[in-house]
All heavy atoms as atom14 arrays in JSON, in Angstrom:
{
  "sequence": "HTTYSDGLEVLQFSNGQIEKHYPDGKKEITFPDQTIKNLFTDGQEE",
  "atom14_mask": [
    [1, 1, 1, 1, 1, 1, 1, 1, 1, 1, 0, 0, 0, 0],
    [1, 1, 1, 1, 1, 1, 1, 0, 0, 0, 0, 0, 0, 0],
    [1, 1, 1, 1, 1, 1, 1, 0, 0, 0, 0, 0, 0, 0],
    [1, 1, 1, 1, 1, 1, 1, 1, 1, 1, 1, 1, 0, 0],
    [1, 1, 1, 1, 1, 1, 0, 0, 0, 0, 0, 0, 0, 0],
    [1, 1, 1, 1, 1, 1, 1, 1, 0, 0, 0, 0, 0, 0],
    [1, 1, 1, 1, 0, 0, 0, 0, 0, 0, 0, 0, 0, 0],
    [1, 1, 1, 1, 1, 1, 1, 1, 0, 0, 0, 0, 0, 0],
    [1, 1, 1, 1, 1, 1, 1, 1, 1, 0, 0, 0, 0, 0],
    [1, 1, 1, 1, 1, 1, 1, 0, 0, 0, 0, 0, 0, 0],
    [1, 1, 1, 1, 1, 1, 1, 1, 0, 0, 0, 0, 0, 0],
    [1, 1, 1, 1, 1, 1, 1, 1, 1, 0, 0, 0, 0, 0],
    [1, 1, 1, 1, 1, 1, 1, 1, 1, 1, 1, 0, 0, 0],
    [1, 1, 1, 1, 1, 1, 0, 0, 0, 0, 0, 0, 0, 0],
    [1, 1, 1, 1, 1, 1, 1, 1, 0, 0, 0, 0, 0, 0],
    [1, 1, 1, 1, 0, 0, 0, 0, 0, 0, 0, 0, 0, 0],
    [1, 1, 1, 1, 1, 1, 1, 1, 1, 0, 0, 0, 0, 0],
    [1, 1, 1, 1, 1, 1, 1, 1, 0, 0, 0, 0, 0, 0],
    [1, 1, 1, 1, 1, 1, 1, 1, 1, 0, 0, 0, 0, 0],
    [1, 1, 1, 1, 1, 1, 1, 1, 1, 0, 0, 0, 0, 0],
    [1, 1, 1, 1, 1, 1, 1, 1, 1, 1, 0, 0, 0, 0],
    [1, 1, 1, 1, 1, 1, 1, 1, 1, 1, 1, 1, 0, 0],
    [1, 1, 1, 1, 1, 1, 1, 0, 0, 0, 0, 0, 0, 0],
    [1, 1, 1, 1, 1, 1, 1, 1, 0, 0, 0, 0, 0, 0],
    [1, 1, 1, 1, 0, 0, 0, 0, 0, 0, 0, 0, 0, 0],
    [1, 1, 1, 1, 1, 1, 1, 1, 1, 0, 0, 0, 0, 0],
    [1, 1, 1, 1, 1, 1, 1, 1, 1, 0, 0, 0, 0, 0],
    [1, 1, 1, 1, 1, 1, 1, 1, 1, 0, 0, 0, 0, 0],
    [1, 1, 1, 1, 1, 1, 1, 1, 0, 0, 0, 0, 0, 0],
    [1, 1, 1, 1, 1, 1, 1, 0, 0, 0, 0, 0, 0, 0],
    [1, 1, 1, 1, 1, 1, 1, 1, 1, 1, 1, 0, 0, 0],
    [1, 1, 1, 1, 1, 1, 1, 0, 0, 0, 0, 0, 0, 0],
    [1, 1, 1, 1, 1, 1, 1, 1, 0, 0, 0, 0, 0, 0],
    [1, 1, 1, 1, 1, 1, 1, 1, 1, 0, 0, 0, 0, 0],
    [1, 1, 1, 1, 1, 1, 1, 0, 0, 0, 0, 0, 0, 0],
    [1, 1, 1, 1, 1, 1, 1, 1, 0, 0, 0, 0, 0, 0],
    [1, 1, 1, 1, 1, 1, 1, 1, 1, 0, 0, 0, 0, 0],
    [1, 1, 1, 1, 1, 1, 1, 1, 0, 0, 0, 0, 0, 0],
    [1, 1, 1, 1, 1, 1, 1, 1, 0, 0, 0, 0, 0, 0],
    [1, 1, 1, 1, 1, 1, 1, 1, 1, 1, 1, 0, 0, 0],
    [1, 1, 1, 1, 1, 1, 1, 0, 0, 0, 0, 0, 0, 0],
    [1, 1, 1, 1, 1, 1, 1, 1, 0, 0, 0, 0, 0, 0],
    [1, 1, 1, 1, 0, 0, 0, 0, 0, 0, 0, 0, 0, 0],
    [1, 1, 1, 1, 1, 1, 1, 1, 1, 0, 0, 0, 0, 0],
    [1, 1, 1, 1, 1, 1, 1, 1, 1, 0, 0, 0, 0, 0],
    [1, 1, 1, 1, 1, 1, 1, 1, 1, 0, 0, 0, 0, 0]
  ],
  "atom14_positions": [
    [[-8.52, -8.4, 1.64], [-7.07, -8.54, 1.69], [-6.68, -9.57, 0.63], [-7.02, -10.74, 0.75], [-6.66, -9.02, 3.09], [-5.19, -9.16, 3.28], [-4.64, -9.54, 4.48], [-4.13, -8.98, 2.45], [-3.32, -9.59, 4.37], [-2.99, -9.25, 3.15], [0.0, 0.0, 0.0], [0.0, 0.0, 0.0], [0.0, 0.0, 0.0], [0.0, 0.0, 0.0]],
    [[-6.0, -9.11, -0.41], [-5.59, -10.0, -1.5], [-4.08, -10.2, -1.43], [-3.32, -9.24, -1.35], [-5.97, -9.39, -2.87], [-7.37, -9.11, -2.87], [-5.64, -10.35, -4.0], [0.0, 0.0, 0.0], [0.0, 0.0, 0.0], [0.0, 0.0, 0.0], [0.0, 0.0, 0.0], [0.0, 0.0, 0.0], [0.0, 0.0, 0.0], [0.0, 0.0, 0.0]],
    [[-3.65, -11.46, -1.44], [-2.23, -11.8, -1.45], [-1.94, -12.52, -2.75], [-2.52, -13.57, -3.04], [-1.88, -12.71, -0.25], [-2.3, -12.06, 0.96], [-0.38, -12.98, -0.19], [0.0, 0.0, 0.0], [0.0, 0.0, 0.0], [0.0, 0.0, 0.0], [0.0, 0.0, 0.0], [0.0, 0.0, 0.0], [0.0, 0.0, 0.0], [0.0, 0.0, 0.0]],
    [[-1.05, -11.92, -3.55], [-0.69, -12.5, -4.84], [0.49, -13.45, -4.67], [1.25, -13.34, -3.71], [-0.36, -11.38, -5.84], [-1.56, -10.53, -6.15], [-1.82, -9.37, -5.41], [-2.46, -10.89, -7.15], [-2.95, -8.59, -5.68], [-3.58, -10.12, -7.42], [-3.82, -8.98, -6.68], [-4.94, -8.22, -6.93], [0.0, 0.0, 0.0], [0.0, 0.0, 0.0]],
    [[0.67, -14.34, -5.64], [1.73, -15.34, -5.56], [3.12, -14.73, -5.54], [4.06, -15.32, -5.02], [1.59, -16.36, -6.69], [1.61, -15.7, -7.94], [0.0, 0.0, 0.0], [0.0, 0.0, 0.0], [0.0, 0.0, 0.0], [0.0, 0.0, 0.0], [0.0, 0.0, 0.0], [0.0, 0.0, 0.0], [0.0, 0.0, 0.0], [0.0, 0.0, 0.0]],
    [[3.27, -13.5, -6.07], [4.58, -12.83, -6.05], [4.86, -12.12, -4.73], [5.88, -11.49, -4.56], [4.71, -11.86, -7.22], [3.76, -10.67, -7.14], [2.97, -10.56, -6.16], [3.79, -9.83, -8.06], [0.0, 0.0, 0.0], [0.0, 0.0, 0.0], [0.0, 0.0, 0.0], [0.0, 0.0, 0.0], [0.0, 0.0, 0.0], [0.0, 0.0, 0.0]],
    [[3.9, -12.2, -3.78], [4.09, -11.6, -2.46], [3.43, -10.25, -2.27], [3.35, -9.76, -1.15], [0.0, 0.0, 0.0], [0.0, 0.0, 0.0], [0.0, 0.0, 0.0], [0.0, 0.0, 0.0], [0.0, 0.0, 0.0], [0.0, 0.0, 0.0], [0.0, 0.0, 0.0], [0.0, 0.0, 0.0], [0.0, 0.0, 0.0], [0.0, 0.0, 0.0]],
    [[2.94, -9.62, -3.33], [2.23, -8.35, -3.2], [0.94, -8.58, -2.42], [0.21, -9.53, -2.67], [1.89, -7.79, -4.59], [0.98, -6.55, -4.61], [1.66, -5.34, -3.99], [0.56, -6.23, -6.04], [0.0, 0.0, 0.0], [0.0, 0.0, 0.0], [0.0, 0.0, 0.0], [0.0, 0.0, 0.0], [0.0, 0.0, 0.0], [0.0, 0.0, 0.0]],
    [[0.68, -7.7, -1.44], [-0.56, -7.75, -0.69], [-1.31, -6.44, -0.9], [-0.72, -5.37, -0.83], [-0.29, -7.94, 0.81], [0.33, -9.27, 1.14], [0.51, -9.47, 2.63], [-0.45, -9.22, 3.38], [1.62, -9.86, 3.02], [0.0, 0.0, 0.0], [0.0, 0.0, 0.0], [0.0, 0.0, 0.0], [0.0, 0.0, 0.0], [0.0, 0.0, 0.0]],
    [[-2.62, -6.53, -1.18], [-3.45, -5.35, -1.4], [-4.62, -5.41, -0.43], [-5.34, -6.41, -0.38], [-3.96, -5.28, -2.86], [-4.86, -4.06, -3.05], [-2.8, -5.25, -3.84], [0.0, 0.0, 0.0], [0.0, 0.0, 0.0], [0.0, 0.0, 0.0], [0.0, 0.0, 0.0], [0.0, 0.0, 0.0], [0.0, 0.0, 0.0], [0.0, 0.0, 0.0]],
    [[-4.79, -4.35, 0.35], [-5.92, -4.24, 1.28], [-6.85, -3.15, 0.78], [-6.39, -2.04, 0.49], [-5.44, -3.91, 2.69], [-4.63, -5.02, 3.34], [-3.17, -4.68, 3.33], [-5.11, -5.27, 4.74], [0.0, 0.0, 0.0], [0.0, 0.0, 0.0], [0.0, 0.0, 0.0], [0.0, 0.0, 0.0], [0.0, 0.0, 0.0], [0.0, 0.0, 0.0]],
    [[-8.13, -3.48, 0.68], [-9.14, -2.51, 0.24], [-10.13, -2.35, 1.38], [-10.79, -3.31, 1.77], [-9.84, -3.0, -1.02], [-8.88, -3.08, -2.2], [-9.52, -3.74, -3.4], [-9.69, -4.94, -3.44], [-9.86, -2.93, -4.39], [0.0, 0.0, 0.0], [0.0, 0.0, 0.0], [0.0, 0.0, 0.0], [0.0, 0.0, 0.0], [0.0, 0.0, 0.0]],
    [[-10.21, -1.12, 1.92], [-11.07, -0.83, 3.06], [-12.41, -0.26, 2.58], [-12.51, 0.28, 1.49], [-10.37, 0.15, 4.0], [-9.09, -0.38, 4.57], [-7.88, -0.15, 3.93], [-9.08, -1.14, 5.73], [-6.69, -0.65, 4.44], [-7.9, -1.65, 6.24], [-6.7, -1.4, 5.59], [0.0, 0.0, 0.0], [0.0, 0.0, 0.0], [0.0, 0.0, 0.0]],
    [[-13.4, -0.36, 3.45], [-14.75, 0.07, 3.09], [-14.84, 1.57, 2.82], [-15.72, 2.02, 2.09], [-15.75, -0.33, 4.18], [-15.4, 0.27, 5.41], [0.0, 0.0, 0.0], [0.0, 0.0, 0.0], [0.0, 0.0, 0.0], [0.0, 0.0, 0.0], [0.0, 0.0, 0.0], [0.0, 0.0, 0.0], [0.0, 0.0, 0.0], [0.0, 0.0, 0.0]],
    [[-13.91, 2.37, 3.38], [-13.94, 3.83, 3.15], [-13.28, 4.23, 1.84], [-13.17, 5.4, 1.53], [-13.28, 4.56, 4.32], [-11.79, 4.3, 4.42], [-11.22, 3.51, 3.66], [-11.14, 4.98, 5.35], [0.0, 0.0, 0.0], [0.0, 0.0, 0.0], [0.0, 0.0, 0.0], [0.0, 0.0, 0.0], [0.0, 0.0, 0.0], [0.0, 0.0, 0.0]],
    [[-12.79, 3.23, 1.07], [-12.15, 3.52, -0.21], [-10.63, 3.54, -0.15], [-9.97, 3.63, -1.18], [0.0, 0.0, 0.0], [0.0, 0.0, 0.0], [0.0, 0.0, 0.0], [0.0, 0.0, 0.0], [0.0, 0.0, 0.0], [0.0, 0.0, 0.0], [0.0, 0.0, 0.0], [0.0, 0.0, 0.0], [0.0, 0.0, 0.0], [0.0, 0.0, 0.0]],
    [[-10.06, 3.46, 1.06], [-8.59, 3.43, 1.18], [-8.07, 2.11, 0.63], [-8.64, 1.06, 0.87], [-8.19, 3.6, 2.65], [-6.69, 3.58, 2.87], [-6.32, 3.93, 4.29], [-6.84, 4.88, 4.85], [-5.41, 3.17, 4.89], [0.0, 0.0, 0.0], [0.0, 0.0, 0.0], [0.0, 0.0, 0.0], [0.0, 0.0, 0.0], [0.0, 0.0, 0.0]],
    [[-6.94, 2.2, -0.09], [-6.3, 1.01, -0.64], [-4.83, 1.03, -0.23], [-4.15, 2.05, -0.38], [-6.4, 0.98, -2.19], [-7.86, 0.92, -2.62], [-5.62, -0.21, -2.76], [-8.07, 1.1, -4.11], [0.0, 0.0, 0.0], [0.0, 0.0, 0.0], [0.0, 0.0, 0.0], [0.0, 0.0, 0.0], [0.0, 0.0, 0.0], [0.0, 0.0, 0.0]],
    [[-4.36, -0.08, 0.32], [-2.96, -0.19, 0.7], [-2.32, -1.31, -0.1], [-2.9, -2.39, -0.22], [-2.8, -0.51, 2.19], [-3.21, 0.61, 3.1], [-2.91, 0.32, 4.57], [-2.16, -0.64, 4.87], [-3.44, 1.06, 5.41], [0.0, 0.0, 0.0], [0.0, 0.0, 0.0], [0.0, 0.0, 0.0], [0.0, 0.0, 0.0], [0.0, 0.0, 0.0]],
    [[-1.12, -1.03, -0.62], [-0.34, -2.06, -1.31], [0.93, -2.27, -0.5], [1.67, -1.32, -0.25], [0.0, -1.62, -2.74], [-1.21, -1.51, -3.64], [-0.81, -1.07, -5.03], [-2.04, -0.93, -5.92], [-1.71, -0.43, -7.25], [0.0, 0.0, 0.0], [0.0, 0.0, 0.0], [0.0, 0.0, 0.0], [0.0, 0.0, 0.0], [0.0, 0.0, 0.0]],
    [[1.16, -3.51, -0.11], [2.37, -3.87, 0.63], [3.21, -4.74, -0.31], [2.81, -5.86, -0.63], [2.02, -4.64, 1.9], [1.19, -3.85, 2.87], [1.31, -4.0, 4.23], [0.24, -2.9, 2.7], [0.46, -3.18, 4.84], [-0.19, -2.51, 3.93], [0.0, 0.0, 0.0], [0.0, 0.0, 0.0], [0.0, 0.0, 0.0], [0.0, 0.0, 0.0]],
    [[4.34, -4.2, -0.73], [5.19, -4.89, -1.7], [6.13, -5.86, -0.98], [6.49, -5.64, 0.19], [5.98, -3.87, -2.52], [5.1, -3.05, -3.41], [4.54, -1.85, -2.97], [4.77, -3.49, -4.69], [3.7, -1.1, -3.8], [3.94, -2.75, -5.52], [3.4, -1.56, -5.06], [2.56, -0.83, -5.86], [0.0, 0.0, 0.0], [0.0, 0.0, 0.0]],
    [[6.58, -6.9, -1.68], [7.47, -7.89, -1.06], [8.77, -7.29, -0.53], [9.32, -7.78, 0.45], [7.78, -8.88, -2.2], [6.69, -8.7, -3.18], [6.21, -7.28, -3.05], [0.0, 0.0, 0.0], [0.0, 0.0, 0.0], [0.0, 0.0, 0.0], [0.0, 0.0, 0.0], [0.0, 0.0, 0.0], [0.0, 0.0, 0.0], [0.0, 0.0, 0.0]],
    [[9.24, -6.19, -1.14], [10.5, -5.56, -0.69], [10.3, -4.68, 0.55], [11.24, -4.07, 1.04], [11.14, -4.76, -1.81], [10.32, -3.53, -2.23], [9.24, -3.27, -1.66], [10.76, -2.83, -3.17], [0.0, 0.0, 0.0], [0.0, 0.0, 0.0], [0.0, 0.0, 0.0], [0.0, 0.0, 0.0], [0.0, 0.0, 0.0], [0.0, 0.0, 0.0]],
    [[9.05, -4.57, 1.05], [8.78, -3.79, 2.25], [8.19, -2.42, 1.99], [7.69, -1.77, 2.9], [0.0, 0.0, 0.0], [0.0, 0.0, 0.0], [0.0, 0.0, 0.0], [0.0, 0.0, 0.0], [0.0, 0.0, 0.0], [0.0, 0.0, 0.0], [0.0, 0.0, 0.0], [0.0, 0.0, 0.0], [0.0, 0.0, 0.0], [0.0, 0.0, 0.0]],
    [[8.22, -1.95, 0.75], [7.62, -0.66, 0.41], [6.1, -0.76, 0.57], [5.5, -1.8, 0.32], [7.96, -0.29, -1.04], [7.34, 1.01, -1.49], [7.52, 1.27, -2.98], [6.66, 2.44, -3.37], [6.22, 2.42, -4.74], [0.0, 0.0, 0.0], [0.0, 0.0, 0.0], [0.0, 0.0, 0.0], [0.0, 0.0, 0.0], [0.0, 0.0, 0.0]],
    [[5.49, 0.35, 0.99], [4.02, 0.41, 1.12], [3.52, 1.63, 0.36], [4.15, 2.68, 0.39], [3.6, 0.51, 2.58], [3.9, -0.73, 3.38], [3.46, -0.59, 4.82], [3.86, -1.83, 5.59], [3.61, -1.68, 7.02], [0.0, 0.0, 0.0], [0.0, 0.0, 0.0], [0.0, 0.0, 0.0], [0.0, 0.0, 0.0], [0.0, 0.0, 0.0]],
    [[2.39, 1.46, -0.31], [1.73, 2.56, -1.01], [0.29, 2.6, -0.53], [-0.43, 1.62, -0.6], [1.76, 2.31, -2.52], [1.05, 3.38, -3.33], [1.02, 3.03, -4.81], [2.09, 3.06, -5.44], [-0.07, 2.71, -5.31], [0.0, 0.0, 0.0], [0.0, 0.0, 0.0], [0.0, 0.0, 0.0], [0.0, 0.0, 0.0], [0.0, 0.0, 0.0]],
    [[-0.11, 3.76, -0.01], [-1.47, 3.93, 0.51], [-2.17, 4.99, -0.34], [-1.67, 6.08, -0.52], [-1.44, 4.39, 1.99], [-0.64, 3.39, 2.83], [-2.87, 4.55, 2.53], [-0.23, 3.91, 4.19], [0.0, 0.0, 0.0], [0.0, 0.0, 0.0], [0.0, 0.0, 0.0], [0.0, 0.0, 0.0], [0.0, 0.0, 0.0], [0.0, 0.0, 0.0]],
    [[-3.34, 4.63, -0.87], [-4.17, 5.59, -1.58], [-5.37, 5.88, -0.69], [-6.16, 4.98, -0.37], [-4.63, 5.04, -2.94], [-3.47, 4.67, -3.7], [-5.44, 6.08, -3.71], [0.0, 0.0, 0.0], [0.0, 0.0, 0.0], [0.0, 0.0, 0.0], [0.0, 0.0, 0.0], [0.0, 0.0, 0.0], [0.0, 0.0, 0.0], [0.0, 0.0, 0.0]],
    [[-5.48, 7.13, -0.25], [-6.55, 7.52, 0.67], [-7.83, 7.84, -0.12], [-7.76, 8.07, -1.33], [-6.1, 8.73, 1.5], [-4.97, 8.41, 2.43], [-3.65, 8.66, 2.08], [-5.22, 7.82, 3.67], [-2.6, 8.34, 2.93], [-4.18, 7.5, 4.53], [-2.87, 7.76, 4.16], [0.0, 0.0, 0.0], [0.0, 0.0, 0.0], [0.0, 0.0, 0.0]],
    [[-8.96, 7.88, 0.56], [-10.23, 8.16, -0.13], [-10.22, 9.46, -0.94], [-10.87, 9.54, -1.97], [-11.25, 8.23, 1.01], [-10.69, 7.33, 2.06], [-9.18, 7.53, 1.97], [0.0, 0.0, 0.0], [0.0, 0.0, 0.0], [0.0, 0.0, 0.0], [0.0, 0.0, 0.0], [0.0, 0.0, 0.0], [0.0, 0.0, 0.0], [0.0, 0.0, 0.0]],
    [[-9.44, 10.47, -0.5], [-9.37, 11.74, -1.25], [-8.39, 11.67, -2.42], [-8.1, 12.67, -3.05], [-9.02, 12.9, -0.32], [-7.58, 12.88, 0.18], [-6.84, 11.9, -0.12], [-7.18, 13.83, 0.87], [0.0, 0.0, 0.0], [0.0, 0.0, 0.0], [0.0, 0.0, 0.0], [0.0, 0.0, 0.0], [0.0, 0.0, 0.0], [0.0, 0.0, 0.0]],
    [[-7.84, 10.47, -2.67], [-6.88, 10.17, -3.74], [-5.46, 10.66, -3.46], [-4.6, 10.64, -4.34], [-7.36, 10.68, -5.11], [-8.66, 10.03, -5.57], [-8.62, 8.51, -5.49], [-7.8, 7.87, -6.09], [-9.53, 7.93, -4.69], [0.0, 0.0, 0.0], [0.0, 0.0, 0.0], [0.0, 0.0, 0.0], [0.0, 0.0, 0.0], [0.0, 0.0, 0.0]],
    [[-5.18, 11.08, -2.2], [-3.8, 11.33, -1.8], [-3.08, 9.98, -1.81], [-3.63, 8.99, -1.34], [-3.74, 11.94, -0.38], [-4.36, 13.23, -0.41], [-2.31, 12.08, 0.12], [0.0, 0.0, 0.0], [0.0, 0.0, 0.0], [0.0, 0.0, 0.0], [0.0, 0.0, 0.0], [0.0, 0.0, 0.0], [0.0, 0.0, 0.0], [0.0, 0.0, 0.0]],
    [[-1.86, 9.96, -2.33], [-1.07, 8.73, -2.37], [0.15, 8.93, -1.47], [0.88, 9.91, -1.61], [-0.61, 8.4, -3.81], [-1.83, 8.17, -4.7], [0.31, 7.18, -3.82], [-1.51, 8.08, -6.18], [0.0, 0.0, 0.0], [0.0, 0.0, 0.0], [0.0, 0.0, 0.0], [0.0, 0.0, 0.0], [0.0, 0.0, 0.0], [0.0, 0.0, 0.0]],
    [[0.35, 7.98, -0.55], [1.5, 8.05, 0.34], [2.35, 6.81, 0.12], [1.85, 5.69, 0.17], [1.04, 8.11, 1.8], [2.17, 8.29, 2.79], [1.63, 8.51, 4.19], [2.67, 9.18, 5.05], [2.1, 9.64, 6.31], [0.0, 0.0, 0.0], [0.0, 0.0, 0.0], [0.0, 0.0, 0.0], [0.0, 0.0, 0.0], [0.0, 0.0, 0.0]],
    [[3.64, 7.02, -0.14], [4.59, 5.93, -0.3], [5.49, 5.9, 0.92], [6.06, 6.92, 1.31], [5.45, 6.14, -1.56], [4.63, 6.0, -2.82], [4.07, 4.94, -3.09], [4.55, 7.07, -3.6], [0.0, 0.0, 0.0], [0.0, 0.0, 0.0], [0.0, 0.0, 0.0], [0.0, 0.0, 0.0], [0.0, 0.0, 0.0], [0.0, 0.0, 0.0]],
    [[5.61, 4.72, 1.52], [6.51, 4.51, 2.65], [7.63, 3.58, 2.16], [7.36, 2.44, 1.8], [5.76, 3.87, 3.82], [4.52, 4.63, 4.32], [3.72, 3.79, 5.28], [4.94, 5.94, 4.97], [0.0, 0.0, 0.0], [0.0, 0.0, 0.0], [0.0, 0.0, 0.0], [0.0, 0.0, 0.0], [0.0, 0.0, 0.0], [0.0, 0.0, 0.0]],
    [[8.86, 4.1, 2.16], [9.98, 3.34, 1.63], [10.69, 2.59, 2.74], [10.62, 2.96, 3.91], [10.94, 4.28, 0.89], [10.29, 4.98, -0.27], [9.81, 6.28, -0.15], [10.12, 4.33, -1.49], [9.2, 6.93, -1.22], [9.51, 4.97, -2.57], [9.04, 6.27, -2.42], [0.0, 0.0, 0.0], [0.0, 0.0, 0.0], [0.0, 0.0, 0.0]],
    [[11.39, 1.54, 2.37], [12.05, 0.68, 3.35], [13.17, 1.4, 4.1], [13.5, 1.01, 5.21], [12.62, -0.58, 2.68], [13.47, -0.19, 1.61], [11.51, -1.45, 2.13], [0.0, 0.0, 0.0], [0.0, 0.0, 0.0], [0.0, 0.0, 0.0], [0.0, 0.0, 0.0], [0.0, 0.0, 0.0], [0.0, 0.0, 0.0], [0.0, 0.0, 0.0]],
    [[13.73, 2.46, 3.52], [14.81, 3.21, 4.19], [14.27, 4.27, 5.15], [15.03, 5.05, 5.69], [15.75, 3.84, 3.16], [15.06, 4.88, 2.29], [13.86, 5.16, 2.48], [15.74, 5.41, 1.39], [0.0, 0.0, 0.0], [0.0, 0.0, 0.0], [0.0, 0.0, 0.0], [0.0, 0.0, 0.0], [0.0, 0.0, 0.0], [0.0, 0.0, 0.0]],
    [[12.95, 4.32, 5.34], [12.36, 5.26, 6.29], [11.87, 6.55, 5.66], [11.24, 7.37, 6.33], [0.0, 0.0, 0.0], [0.0, 0.0, 0.0], [0.0, 0.0, 0.0], [0.0, 0.0, 0.0], [0.0, 0.0, 0.0], [0.0, 0.0, 0.0], [0.0, 0.0, 0.0], [0.0, 0.0, 0.0], [0.0, 0.0, 0.0], [0.0, 0.0, 0.0]],
    [[12.13, 6.77, 4.38], [11.65, 7.97, 3.72], [10.16, 7.82, 3.37], [9.66, 6.71, 3.22], [12.44, 8.24, 2.44], [13.89, 8.58, 2.71], [14.62, 8.91, 1.43], [14.32, 9.89, 0.78], [15.58, 8.08, 1.06], [0.0, 0.0, 0.0], [0.0, 0.0, 0.0], [0.0, 0.0, 0.0], [0.0, 0.0, 0.0], [0.0, 0.0, 0.0]],
    [[9.47, 8.95, 3.27], [8.06, 8.96, 2.91], [7.84, 9.97, 1.79], [8.54, 10.98, 1.72], [7.19, 9.4, 4.1], [7.22, 8.47, 5.27], [6.36, 8.99, 6.43], [5.54, 9.92, 6.22], [6.51, 8.46, 7.53], [0.0, 0.0, 0.0], [0.0, 0.0, 0.0], [0.0, 0.0, 0.0], [0.0, 0.0, 0.0], [0.0, 0.0, 0.0]],
    [[6.84, 9.71, 0.97], [6.46, 10.64, -0.09], [4.94, 10.65, -0.17], [4.33, 9.6, -0.23], [7.05, 10.18, -1.42], [6.64, 11.06, -2.6], [7.12, 10.48, -3.92], [6.55, 9.48, -4.36], [8.06, 11.07, -4.48], [0.0, 0.0, 0.0], [0.0, 0.0, 0.0], [0.0, 0.0, 0.0], [0.0, 0.0, 0.0], [0.0, 0.0, 0.0]]
  ]
}
């Protein structure tokens, strides 16, 4: 779990999943199969 001075947090899991938690509340998850999921602060997902 890496926390940068600008507030960005990055979690790297043993299965290869990577999560980025941005200071504005947005989250980006990269799954082991390289699917990328974005969770936006307004409740939308991509």
